[in-house]
Protein backbone atom coordinates (compact mmCIF):
# COMPACT_ATOMS: atom_id res chain seq x y z
CA UNK A 1 7.34 -1.01 6.82
CA UNK A 2 10.44 -0.07 4.92
CA UNK A 3 10.40 2.78 7.63
CA UNK A 4 10.82 0.36 10.32
CA UNK A 5 13.47 -1.72 8.41
CA UNK A 6 11.28 -4.93 8.59
CA UNK A 7 11.08 -7.54 6.36
CA UNK A 8 8.42 -9.72 5.02
CA UNK A 9 8.47 -13.57 6.25
CA UNK A 10 5.75 -15.80 5.20
CA UNK A 11 6.21 -18.60 7.38
CA UNK A 12 4.98 -21.93 7.37
CA UNK A 13 1.05 -22.67 7.02
CA UNK A 14 0.61 -25.78 8.93
CA UNK A 15 1.47 -27.11 12.28
CA UNK A 16 1.29 -30.42 13.96
CA UNK A 17 -1.12 -30.24 16.66
CA UNK A 18 0.33 -29.31 20.21
CA UNK A 19 -0.95 -28.54 23.58
CA UNK A 20 -0.07 -25.35 23.19
CA UNK A 21 -2.38 -24.21 20.39
CA UNK A 22 -5.43 -26.83 21.28
CA UNK A 23 -8.24 -23.77 21.28
CA UNK A 24 -12.01 -24.65 21.10
CA UNK A 25 -11.54 -22.16 17.98
CA UNK A 26 -8.50 -24.02 15.98
CA UNK A 27 -8.46 -25.66 13.06
CA UNK A 28 -7.52 -29.31 13.34
CA UNK A 29 -7.93 -31.56 10.10
CA UNK A 30 -6.33 -35.30 9.92
CA UNK A 31 -3.94 -35.62 6.73
CA UNK A 32 -3.36 -38.60 4.64
CA UNK A 33 -1.56 -40.42 6.87
CA UNK A 34 -3.47 -39.84 10.09
CA UNK A 35 -1.59 -37.06 11.60
CA UNK A 36 -3.41 -34.10 13.51
CA UNK A 37 -2.37 -30.73 11.84
CA UNK A 38 -3.57 -27.74 12.37
CA UNK A 39 -4.59 -24.70 10.18
CA UNK A 40 -2.78 -21.37 11.82
CA UNK A 41 -5.22 -19.77 14.24
CA UNK A 42 -2.92 -16.47 14.43
CA UNK A 43 0.05 -15.61 13.43
CA UNK A 44 2.34 -15.59 16.62
CA UNK A 45 2.72 -19.39 17.16
CA UNK A 46 3.84 -19.95 13.74
CA UNK A 47 6.74 -17.26 13.56
CA UNK A 48 7.80 -18.42 17.19
CA UNK A 49 8.28 -22.09 15.89
CA UNK A 50 10.00 -20.36 12.72
CA UNK A 51 12.43 -18.57 14.39
CA UNK A 52 13.24 -21.44 17.26
CA UNK A 53 13.92 -23.47 14.73
CA UNK A 54 16.51 -21.52 13.05
CA UNK A 55 17.83 -20.00 15.75
CA UNK A 56 17.40 -16.26 15.06
CA UNK A 57 17.88 -13.44 17.44
CA UNK A 58 17.41 -10.33 15.33
CA UNK A 59 14.77 -9.51 13.38
CA UNK A 60 12.50 -7.65 12.31
CA UNK A 61 9.24 -9.24 10.42
CA UNK A 62 5.87 -7.82 8.72
CA UNK A 63 2.66 -10.40 7.74
CA UNK A 64 -0.06 -10.39 6.25
CA UNK A 65 -2.11 -14.14 6.23
CA UNK A 66 -4.86 -15.28 6.45
CA UNK A 67 -6.34 -17.28 9.85
CA UNK A 68 -8.71 -19.49 10.28
CA UNK A 69 -11.41 -20.10 12.87
CA UNK A 70 -13.62 -23.14 13.83
CA UNK A 71 -17.63 -21.74 13.10
CA UNK A 72 -19.89 -23.11 16.16
CA UNK A 73 -21.71 -24.95 13.80
CA UNK A 74 -19.93 -28.14 13.15
CA UNK A 75 -19.47 -29.57 9.76
CA UNK A 76 -19.15 -25.83 8.03
CA UNK A 77 -16.30 -24.57 6.27
CA UNK A 78 -13.94 -22.82 8.95
CA UNK A 79 -14.28 -19.18 8.35
CA UNK A 80 -11.13 -17.48 7.01
CA UNK A 81 -9.86 -13.52 7.55
CA UNK A 82 -7.05 -12.04 7.34
CA UNK A 83 -4.22 -10.74 10.03
CA UNK A 84 -1.67 -8.42 9.89
CA UNK A 85 1.40 -9.16 12.39
CA UNK A 86 4.82 -7.00 13.24
CA UNK A 87 6.83 -9.11 15.22
CA UNK A 88 10.51 -8.27 16.49
CA UNK A 89 13.04 -10.71 17.72
CA UNK A 90 15.77 -9.26 19.68
CA UNK A 91 17.54 -11.28 22.75
CA UNK A 92 17.67 -8.05 24.89
CA UNK A 93 14.42 -6.14 26.15
CA UNK A 94 15.81 -2.85 25.99
CA UNK A 95 16.46 -3.06 22.37
CA UNK A 96 12.89 -3.83 21.77
CA UNK A 97 11.41 -0.96 24.23
CA UNK A 98 13.51 1.34 22.12
CA UNK A 99 11.86 0.32 19.27
CA UNK A 100 8.34 1.01 20.48
CA UNK A 101 8.68 3.61 22.14
CA UNK A 102 10.18 4.72 18.43
CA UNK A 103 7.70 3.02 17.03
CA UNK A 104 4.45 4.39 19.17
CA UNK A 105 6.34 8.42 18.22
CA UNK A 106 6.32 7.69 14.62
CA UNK A 107 2.50 6.82 14.85
CA UNK A 108 1.46 9.61 17.12
CA UNK A 109 3.28 12.24 14.81
């Protein structure tokens, strides 16, 4: 990822329950105080929260982290899997499309 000037950023794993991430395969647990928290279902939502809270407008990051999916059988341990994410944060769409073209051309070579 150094070739693309991306940095490794691991964001907070647990997020408060939200209708934005309320999906039937999301793993939700209750913490000691009674609040409902969600384990990461994907790497995008926690990263979007991280960017919004810190008002970041330029960043290229990559992350390889565990995500969790609720099993269809009630009471089973959630399924764990690794997910890879490469995110580009930019205030201008033109810059984003330029970067994506460069990445695509490098992958094709």
